[in-house]
Amino acid sequence: MLKKEVISFFSSYMGLVSSLVFFVVIGLFLWVFPTEFNILDSGMASLEPLFYLTPWVYMFFIPAVTMRMFAEEKKEGTIEILMTKPLTEWNIVLAKYFAALTIIFVELIITLVYFISVQYFLSSHSVDIGGFWGSFVGLLLLGGVFASVGLFTSSLSSNQIIAFLLSVVVIFILYLGFDLMSHISALGGIDQVLGYLGIQYHYQSISKGVLDSRDILYFLTVAFLFLYLTVGVLKKRG
């Protein structure tokens, strides 16, 4: 099932387009557009802009990866066939989840071209390699959380567009919503708690290249929560 999902994504029109958009958008901001993220304009051998931009691109790319994984099964009626196989709900969910992670990992590996480019064009400077790989792991953990959300929303509907939009909304709330609420003074002493509950707080910490066990535990916990909810949806259907 894992292999089927990965091949299906990369052989589909939507998969190719979303992958192309993923690289083009990030590439334009890093190398072409005259913004604060442009590496050549800054003259700094730093890939911090990559680790800032990618979560925002993730918000649309990962829902595009996961939106069809259950929604299409429901629409075509193959979910019933899948549920009759000698597989538990966890087997099904984890197979699709690791398929999504594989796709995300492949996309991230290809982004190493940006790392190589910085080393080539700004050879007089050196990239903090340790910090880069720490941040790279942070992106993979973030992708894992977003993928778990996408699978959950895909399990709720047979319409891929609805699954996509719902996933984008939930991811946005989790990533930025809690952080925005933490800046509301009227909430008083719970502002710090709200900030800690949000993904951005932990991602900003780990994107600096420091792999704190508390941040890793947070990402793993949130991912597990949404996978658990997805399993619950499948069981209820059964």
C-alpha atoms as a PDB file:
ATOM      1  CA  MET A   1       0.000   0.000   0.000  1.00  0.00           C
ATOM      2  CA  LEU A   2       2.852   2.368   0.839  1.00  0.00           C
ATOM      3  CA  LYS A   3       4.547   1.763  -2.516  1.00  0.00           C
ATOM      4  CA  LYS A   4       1.228   2.145  -4.335  1.00  0.00           C
ATOM      5  CA  GLU A   5       0.532   5.540  -2.749  1.00  0.00           C
ATOM      6  CA  VAL A   6       4.013   6.892  -3.517  1.00  0.00           C
ATOM      7  CA  ILE A   7       3.974   5.734  -7.146  1.00  0.00           C
ATOM      8  CA  SER A   8       0.414   6.980  -7.587  1.00  0.00           C
ATOM      9  CA  PHE A   9       1.371  10.448  -6.359  1.00  0.00           C
ATOM     10  CA  PHE A  10       4.454  10.926  -8.512  1.00  0.00           C
ATOM     11  CA  SER A  11       2.739   9.489 -11.597  1.00  0.00           C
ATOM     12  CA  SER A  12      -0.318  11.730 -11.275  1.00  0.00           C
ATOM     13  CA  TYR A  13      -0.839  15.148 -12.819  1.00  0.00           C
ATOM     14  CA  MET A  14      -1.625  16.659  -9.414  1.00  0.00           C
ATOM     15  CA  GLY A  15       1.513  15.155  -7.886  1.00  0.00           C
ATOM     16  CA  LEU A  16       3.789  16.518 -10.597  1.00  0.00           C
ATOM     17  CA  VAL A  17       2.184  19.965 -10.520  1.00  0.00           C
ATOM     18  CA  SER A  18       2.263  20.279  -6.729  1.00  0.00           C
ATOM     19  CA  SER A  19       5.914  19.140  -6.644  1.00  0.00           C
ATOM     20  CA  LEU A  20       6.830  21.663  -9.338  1.00  0.00           C
ATOM     21  CA  VAL A  21       5.033  24.454  -7.503  1.00  0.00           C
ATOM     22  CA  PHE A  22       6.802  23.466  -4.272  1.00  0.00           C
ATOM     23  CA  PHE A  23      10.263  23.946  -5.793  1.00  0.00           C
ATOM     24  CA  VAL A  24       9.465  26.901  -8.038  1.00  0.00           C
ATOM     25  CA  VAL A  25       7.859  28.994  -5.290  1.00  0.00           C
ATOM     26  CA  ILE A  26      10.717  28.431  -2.842  1.00  0.00           C
ATOM     27  CA  GLY A  27      13.327  28.898  -5.573  1.00  0.00           C
ATOM     28  CA  LEU A  28      11.835  32.193  -6.729  1.00  0.00           C
ATOM     29  CA  PHE A  29      11.879  33.620  -3.211  1.00  0.00           C
ATOM     30  CA  LEU A  30      15.410  32.400  -2.496  1.00  0.00           C
ATOM     31  CA  TRP A  31      17.068  33.405  -5.771  1.00  0.00           C
ATOM     32  CA  VAL A  32      14.873  35.701  -7.890  1.00  0.00           C
ATOM     33  CA  PHE A  33      12.426  37.939  -6.041  1.00  0.00           C
ATOM     34  CA  PRO A  34      14.121  40.998  -4.453  1.00  0.00           C
ATOM     35  CA  THR A  35      12.832  40.311  -0.959  1.00  0.00           C
ATOM     36  CA  GLU A  36      14.389  39.824   2.456  1.00  0.00           C
ATOM     37  CA  PHE A  37      14.568  36.103   1.672  1.00  0.00           C
ATOM     38  CA  ASN A  38      16.811  36.504  -1.393  1.00  0.00           C
ATOM     39  CA  ILE A  39      20.109  34.780  -0.580  1.00  0.00           C
ATOM     40  CA  LEU A  40      22.146  36.495  -3.298  1.00  0.00           C
ATOM     41  CA  ASP A  41      20.990  39.974  -2.244  1.00  0.00           C
ATOM     42  CA  SER A  42      21.865  39.307   1.376  1.00  0.00           C
ATOM     43  CA  GLY A  43      25.285  37.884   0.486  1.00  0.00           C
ATOM     44  CA  MET A  44      25.000  35.594   3.490  1.00  0.00           C
ATOM     45  CA  ALA A  45      25.704  31.860   3.303  1.00  0.00           C
ATOM     46  CA  SER A  46      22.586  31.081   5.279  1.00  0.00           C
ATOM     47  CA  LEU A  47      19.587  28.937   4.470  1.00  0.00           C
ATOM     48  CA  GLU A  48      17.403  30.430   7.176  1.00  0.00           C
ATOM     49  CA  PRO A  49      15.028  31.782   4.490  1.00  0.00           C
ATOM     50  CA  LEU A  50      14.457  28.198   3.304  1.00  0.00           C
ATOM     51  CA  PHE A  51      13.452  27.072   6.778  1.00  0.00           C
ATOM     52  CA  TYR A  52      11.167  30.092   7.164  1.00  0.00           C
ATOM     53  CA  LEU A  53       9.439  29.747   3.790  1.00  0.00           C
ATOM     54  CA  THR A  54       8.990  25.980   3.644  1.00  0.00           C
ATOM     55  CA  PRO A  55       6.322  25.710   6.401  1.00  0.00           C
ATOM     56  CA  TRP A  56       4.130  28.159   4.467  1.00  0.00           C
ATOM     57  CA  VAL A  57       4.540  26.194   1.248  1.00  0.00           C
ATOM     58  CA  TYR A  58       3.974  23.006   3.264  1.00  0.00           C
ATOM     59  CA  MET A  59       0.522  24.312   4.241  1.00  0.00           C
ATOM     60  CA  PHE A  60      -0.643  23.794   0.677  1.00  0.00           C
ATOM     61  CA  PHE A  61       1.736  21.126  -0.611  1.00  0.00           C
ATOM     62  CA  ILE A  62       1.151  18.516   2.083  1.00  0.00           C
ATOM     63  CA  PRO A  63      -2.668  18.779   1.964  1.00  0.00           C
ATOM     64  CA  ALA A  64      -2.301  18.222  -1.797  1.00  0.00           C
ATOM     65  CA  VAL A  65      -0.337  15.058  -1.019  1.00  0.00           C
ATOM     66  CA  THR A  66      -2.783  13.647   1.529  1.00  0.00           C
ATOM     67  CA  MET A  67      -6.174  14.882   0.297  1.00  0.00           C
ATOM     68  CA  ARG A  68      -6.793  11.884  -1.956  1.00  0.00           C
ATOM     69  CA  MET A  69      -5.471   9.123   0.319  1.00  0.00           C
ATOM     70  CA  PHE A  70      -8.812   8.398   1.971  1.00  0.00           C
ATOM     71  CA  ALA A  71     -11.170  10.729   0.108  1.00  0.00           C
ATOM     72  CA  GLU A  72     -10.514   8.986  -3.205  1.00  0.00           C
ATOM     73  CA  GLU A  73     -10.946   5.564  -1.587  1.00  0.00           C
ATOM     74  CA  LYS A  74     -14.361   6.684  -0.319  1.00  0.00           C
ATOM     75  CA  LYS A  75     -15.403   8.244  -3.607  1.00  0.00           C
ATOM     76  CA  GLU A  76     -14.516   5.149  -5.627  1.00  0.00           C
ATOM     77  CA  GLY A  77     -15.910   2.759  -3.025  1.00  0.00           C
ATOM     78  CA  THR A  78     -12.592   0.958  -2.575  1.00  0.00           C
ATOM     79  CA  ILE A  79     -12.494   1.799   1.131  1.00  0.00           C
ATOM     80  CA  GLU A  80     -14.916  -1.088   1.757  1.00  0.00           C
ATOM     81  CA  ILE A  81     -12.631  -3.494  -0.100  1.00  0.00           C
ATOM     82  CA  LEU A  82      -9.642  -2.183   1.847  1.00  0.00           C
ATOM     83  CA  MET A  83     -11.422  -2.685   5.160  1.00  0.00           C
ATOM     84  CA  THR A  84     -12.191  -6.315   4.342  1.00  0.00           C
ATOM     85  CA  LYS A  85      -8.519  -7.183   3.945  1.00  0.00           C
ATOM     86  CA  PRO A  86      -6.639  -8.775   6.892  1.00  0.00           C
ATOM     87  CA  LEU A  87      -5.388  -5.367   8.008  1.00  0.00           C
ATOM     88  CA  THR A  88      -6.149  -3.381  11.118  1.00  0.00           C
ATOM     89  CA  GLU A  89      -7.150   0.273  10.940  1.00  0.00           C
ATOM     90  CA  TRP A  90      -3.706   1.147  12.288  1.00  0.00           C
ATOM     91  CA  ASN A  91      -2.041  -0.857   9.498  1.00  0.00           C
ATOM     92  CA  ILE A  92      -3.987   1.097   6.886  1.00  0.00           C
ATOM     93  CA  VAL A  93      -3.440   4.512   8.451  1.00  0.00           C
ATOM     94  CA  LEU A  94       0.275   3.965   9.090  1.00  0.00           C
ATOM     95  CA  ALA A  95       0.847   2.666   5.551  1.00  0.00           C
ATOM     96  CA  LYS A  96      -0.685   5.817   4.083  1.00  0.00           C
ATOM     97  CA  TYR A  97       1.072   8.002   6.647  1.00  0.00           C
ATOM     98  CA  PHE A  98       4.512   6.603   5.861  1.00  0.00           C
ATOM     99  CA  ALA A  99       3.731   6.938   2.164  1.00  0.00           C
ATOM    100  CA  ALA A 100       3.096  10.647   2.756  1.00  0.00           C
ATOM    101  CA  LEU A 101       6.307  10.904   4.793  1.00  0.00           C
ATOM    102  CA  THR A 102       8.242   9.222   1.991  1.00  0.00           C
ATOM    103  CA  ILE A 103       6.936  11.767  -0.517  1.00  0.00           C
ATOM    104  CA  ILE A 104       7.800  14.641   1.818  1.00  0.00           C
ATOM    105  CA  PHE A 105      11.273  13.213   2.435  1.00  0.00           C
ATOM    106  CA  VAL A 106      11.947  12.879  -1.304  1.00  0.00           C
ATOM    107  CA  GLU A 107      10.904  16.499  -1.842  1.00  0.00           C
ATOM    108  CA  LEU A 108      13.158  17.632   1.005  1.00  0.00           C
ATOM    109  CA  ILE A 109      16.124  15.667  -0.322  1.00  0.00           C
ATOM    110  CA  ILE A 110      15.768  17.440  -3.648  1.00  0.00           C
ATOM    111  CA  THR A 111      15.872  20.802  -1.836  1.00  0.00           C
ATOM    112  CA  LEU A 112      19.501  19.974  -1.053  1.00  0.00           C
ATOM    113  CA  VAL A 113      20.153  21.603  -4.425  1.00  0.00           C
ATOM    114  CA  TYR A 114      19.653  24.910  -2.587  1.00  0.00           C
ATOM    115  CA  PHE A 115      22.302  23.913  -0.053  1.00  0.00           C
ATOM    116  CA  ILE A 116      24.721  23.029  -2.860  1.00  0.00           C
ATOM    117  CA  SER A 117      23.892  26.271  -4.668  1.00  0.00           C
ATOM    118  CA  VAL A 118      24.681  28.386  -1.622  1.00  0.00           C
ATOM    119  CA  GLN A 119      27.999  26.585  -1.202  1.00  0.00           C
ATOM    120  CA  TYR A 120      28.788  27.199  -4.889  1.00  0.00           C
ATOM    121  CA  PHE A 121      27.685  30.826  -5.307  1.00  0.00           C
ATOM    122  CA  LEU A 122      28.869  31.969  -1.890  1.00  0.00           C
ATOM    123  CA  SER A 123      32.017  29.882  -1.671  1.00  0.00           C
ATOM    124  CA  SER A 124      33.780  32.608   0.330  1.00  0.00           C
ATOM    125  CA  HIS A 125      31.389  31.870   3.192  1.00  0.00           C
ATOM    126  CA  SER A 126      30.624  28.606   4.916  1.00  0.00           C
ATOM    127  CA  VAL A 127      27.219  27.225   5.782  1.00  0.00           C
ATOM    128  CA  ASP A 128      26.654  26.021   9.328  1.00  0.00           C
ATOM    129  CA  ILE A 129      26.316  22.358   8.346  1.00  0.00           C
ATOM    130  CA  GLY A 130      25.301  21.182  11.825  1.00  0.00           C
ATOM    131  CA  GLY A 131      22.627  23.853  12.053  1.00  0.00           C
ATOM    132  CA  PHE A 132      21.422  23.031   8.539  1.00  0.00           C
ATOM    133  CA  TRP A 133      20.881  19.340   9.269  1.00  0.00           C
ATOM    134  CA  GLY A 134      19.219  20.124  12.588  1.00  0.00           C
ATOM    135  CA  SER A 135      16.800  22.429  10.786  1.00  0.00           C
ATOM    136  CA  PHE A 136      16.331  19.800   8.070  1.00  0.00           C
ATOM    137  CA  VAL A 137      15.173  17.319  10.713  1.00  0.00           C
ATOM    138  CA  GLY A 138      12.838  20.025  11.997  1.00  0.00           C
ATOM    139  CA  LEU A 139      11.227  20.298   8.553  1.00  0.00           C
ATOM    140  CA  LEU A 140      10.753  16.537   8.435  1.00  0.00           C
ATOM    141  CA  LEU A 141       9.088  16.541  11.862  1.00  0.00           C
ATOM    142  CA  LEU A 142       6.883  19.448  10.814  1.00  0.00           C
ATOM    143  CA  GLY A 143       5.958  17.590   7.649  1.00  0.00           C
ATOM    144  CA  GLY A 144       5.039  14.574   9.749  1.00  0.00           C
ATOM    145  CA  VAL A 145       2.565  16.637  11.780  1.00  0.00           C
ATOM    146  CA  PHE A 146       1.040  18.273   8.708  1.00  0.00           C
ATOM    147  CA  ALA A 147       0.713  14.864   7.021  1.00  0.00           C
ATOM    148  CA  SER A 148      -1.137  13.434  10.041  1.00  0.00           C
ATOM    149  CA  VAL A 149      -3.562  16.364   9.890  1.00  0.00           C
ATOM    150  CA  GLY A 150      -4.022  15.859   6.153  1.00  0.00           C
ATOM    151  CA  LEU A 151      -4.801  12.163   6.600  1.00  0.00           C
ATOM    152  CA  PHE A 152      -7.351  12.966   9.285  1.00  0.00           C
ATOM    153  CA  THR A 153      -9.211  15.504   7.143  1.00  0.00           C
ATOM    154  CA  SER A 154      -9.045  13.147   4.152  1.00  0.00           C
ATOM    155  CA  SER A 155     -10.741  10.460   6.238  1.00  0.00           C
ATOM    156  CA  LEU A 156     -13.649  12.814   6.957  1.00  0.00           C
ATOM    157  CA  SER A 157     -14.820  13.389   3.391  1.00  0.00           C
ATOM    158  CA  SER A 158     -15.111  11.729   0.001  1.00  0.00           C
ATOM    159  CA  ASN A 159     -14.450  15.091  -1.650  1.00  0.00           C
ATOM    160  CA  GLN A 160     -10.747  15.789  -2.196  1.00  0.00           C
ATOM    161  CA  ILE A 161     -11.212  19.563  -2.438  1.00  0.00           C
ATOM    162  CA  ILE A 162     -13.061  19.676   0.884  1.00  0.00           C
ATOM    163  CA  ALA A 163     -10.353  17.499   2.445  1.00  0.00           C
ATOM    164  CA  PHE A 164      -7.675  19.830   1.050  1.00  0.00           C
ATOM    165  CA  LEU A 165      -9.324  23.038   2.274  1.00  0.00           C
ATOM    166  CA  LEU A 166     -10.128  21.609   5.699  1.00  0.00           C
ATOM    167  CA  SER A 167      -6.539  20.446   6.048  1.00  0.00           C
ATOM    168  CA  VAL A 168      -5.193  23.895   5.151  1.00  0.00           C
ATOM    169  CA  VAL A 169      -7.461  25.535   7.733  1.00  0.00           C
ATOM    170  CA  VAL A 170      -6.563  23.119  10.541  1.00  0.00           C
ATOM    171  CA  ILE A 171      -2.847  23.349   9.755  1.00  0.00           C
ATOM    172  CA  PHE A 172      -2.995  27.149   9.701  1.00  0.00           C
ATOM    173  CA  ILE A 173      -4.734  27.228  13.088  1.00  0.00           C
ATOM    174  CA  LEU A 174      -2.233  24.817  14.594  1.00  0.00           C
ATOM    175  CA  TYR A 175       0.789  26.579  13.105  1.00  0.00           C
ATOM    176  CA  LEU A 176      -0.135  30.230  13.514  1.00  0.00           C
ATOM    177  CA  GLY A 177      -3.493  30.427  15.267  1.00  0.00           C
ATOM    178  CA  PHE A 178      -2.232  29.618  18.752  1.00  0.00           C
ATOM    179  CA  ASP A 179       0.667  32.022  18.320  1.00  0.00           C
ATOM    180  CA  LEU A 180      -1.692  34.844  17.303  1.00  0.00           C
ATOM    181  CA  MET A 181      -3.980  34.145  20.266  1.00  0.00           C
ATOM    182  CA  SER A 182      -0.991  34.212  22.617  1.00  0.00           C
ATOM    183  CA  HIS A 183      -0.529  37.897  21.732  1.00  0.00           C
ATOM    184  CA  ILE A 184      -4.039  38.835  22.887  1.00  0.00           C
ATOM    185  CA  SER A 185      -3.476  40.666  26.157  1.00  0.00           C
ATOM    186  CA  ALA A 186      -7.060  40.115  27.315  1.00  0.00           C
ATOM    187  CA  LEU A 187      -6.344  36.395  27.715  1.00  0.00           C
ATOM    188  CA  GLY A 188      -4.087  37.144  30.640  1.00  0.00           C
ATOM    189  CA  GLY A 189      -1.861  34.427  32.034  1.00  0.00           C
ATOM    190  CA  ILE A 190      -2.822  31.743  29.532  1.00  0.00           C
ATOM    191  CA  ASP A 191      -1.069  33.527  26.658  1.00  0.00           C
ATOM    192  CA  GLN A 192       2.164  31.612  27.197  1.00  0.00           C
ATOM    193  CA  VAL A 193       0.285  28.312  27.400  1.00  0.00           C
ATOM    194  CA  LEU A 194      -1.455  29.030  24.093  1.00  0.00           C
ATOM    195  CA  GLY A 195       1.858  29.906  22.473  1.00  0.00           C
ATOM    196  CA  TYR A 196       3.393  26.659  23.706  1.00  0.00           C
ATOM    197  CA  LEU A 197       0.490  24.632  22.313  1.00  0.00           C
ATOM    198  CA  GLY A 198       1.084  26.034  18.831  1.00  0.00           C
ATOM    199  CA  ILE A 199       3.382  24.416  16.291  1.00  0.00           C
ATOM    200  CA  GLN A 200       5.226  27.608  15.440  1.00  0.00           C
ATOM    201  CA  TYR A 201       6.695  27.944  18.941  1.00  0.00           C
ATOM    202  CA  HIS A 202       8.347  24.531  18.676  1.00  0.00           C
ATOM    203  CA  TYR A 203       9.295  24.833  15.027  1.00  0.00           C
ATOM    204  CA  GLN A 204      11.042  28.171  15.581  1.00  0.00           C
ATOM    205  CA  SER A 205      13.073  26.505  18.304  1.00  0.00           C
ATOM    206  CA  ILE A 206      14.048  23.452  16.282  1.00  0.00           C
ATOM    207  CA  SER A 207      14.607  25.412  13.032  1.00  0.00           C
ATOM    208  CA  LYS A 208      17.622  27.014  14.698  1.00  0.00           C
ATOM    209  CA  GLY A 209      19.317  23.643  14.439  1.00  0.00           C
ATOM    210  CA  VAL A 210      18.913  22.747  18.100  1.00  0.00           C
ATOM    211  CA  LEU A 211      17.155  19.394  18.528  1.00  0.00           C
ATOM    212  CA  ASP A 212      15.484  19.766  21.919  1.00  0.00           C
ATOM    213  CA  SER A 213      13.820  16.575  23.154  1.00  0.00           C
ATOM    214  CA  ARG A 214      10.790  18.588  24.299  1.00  0.00           C
ATOM    215  CA  ASP A 215      10.200  19.895  20.784  1.00  0.00           C
ATOM    216  CA  ILE A 216      10.666  16.440  19.262  1.00  0.00           C
ATOM    217  CA  LEU A 217       8.214  14.968  21.787  1.00  0.00           C
ATOM    218  CA  TYR A 218       5.708  17.701  20.933  1.00  0.00           C
ATOM    219  CA  PHE A 219       5.817  16.921  17.203  1.00  0.00           C
ATOM    220  CA  LEU A 220       5.552  13.185  17.770  1.00  0.00           C
ATOM    221  CA  THR A 221       2.633  13.648  20.183  1.00  0.00           C
ATOM    222  CA  VAL A 222       0.619  15.880  17.839  1.00  0.00           C
ATOM    223  CA  ALA A 223       1.239  13.535  14.906  1.00  0.00           C
ATOM    224  CA  PHE A 224       0.134  10.541  16.989  1.00  0.00           C
ATOM    225  CA  LEU A 225      -2.998  12.404  18.122  1.00  0.00           C
ATOM    226  CA  PHE A 226      -4.200  13.008  14.568  1.00  0.00           C
ATOM    227  CA  LEU A 227      -3.309   9.483  13.484  1.00  0.00           C
ATOM    228  CA  TYR A 228      -5.322   8.200  16.456  1.00  0.00           C
ATOM    229  CA  LEU A 229      -8.266  10.370  15.389  1.00  0.00           C
ATOM    230  CA  THR A 230      -7.973   9.020  11.845  1.00  0.00           C
ATOM    231  CA  VAL A 231      -8.064   5.447  13.126  1.00  0.00           C
ATOM    232  CA  GLY A 232     -11.137   6.408  15.153  1.00  0.00           C
ATOM    233  CA  VAL A 233     -12.895   7.660  12.011  1.00  0.00           C
ATOM    234  CA  LEU A 234     -12.164   4.389  10.201  1.00  0.00           C
ATOM    235  CA  LYS A 235     -13.375   2.296  13.135  1.00  0.00           C
ATOM    236  CA  LYS A 236     -16.578   4.304  13.342  1.00  0.00           C
ATOM    237  CA  ARG A 237     -17.125   3.720   9.649  1.00  0.00           C
ATOM    238  CA  GLY A 238     -16.672   0.014  10.179  1.00  0.00           C
END
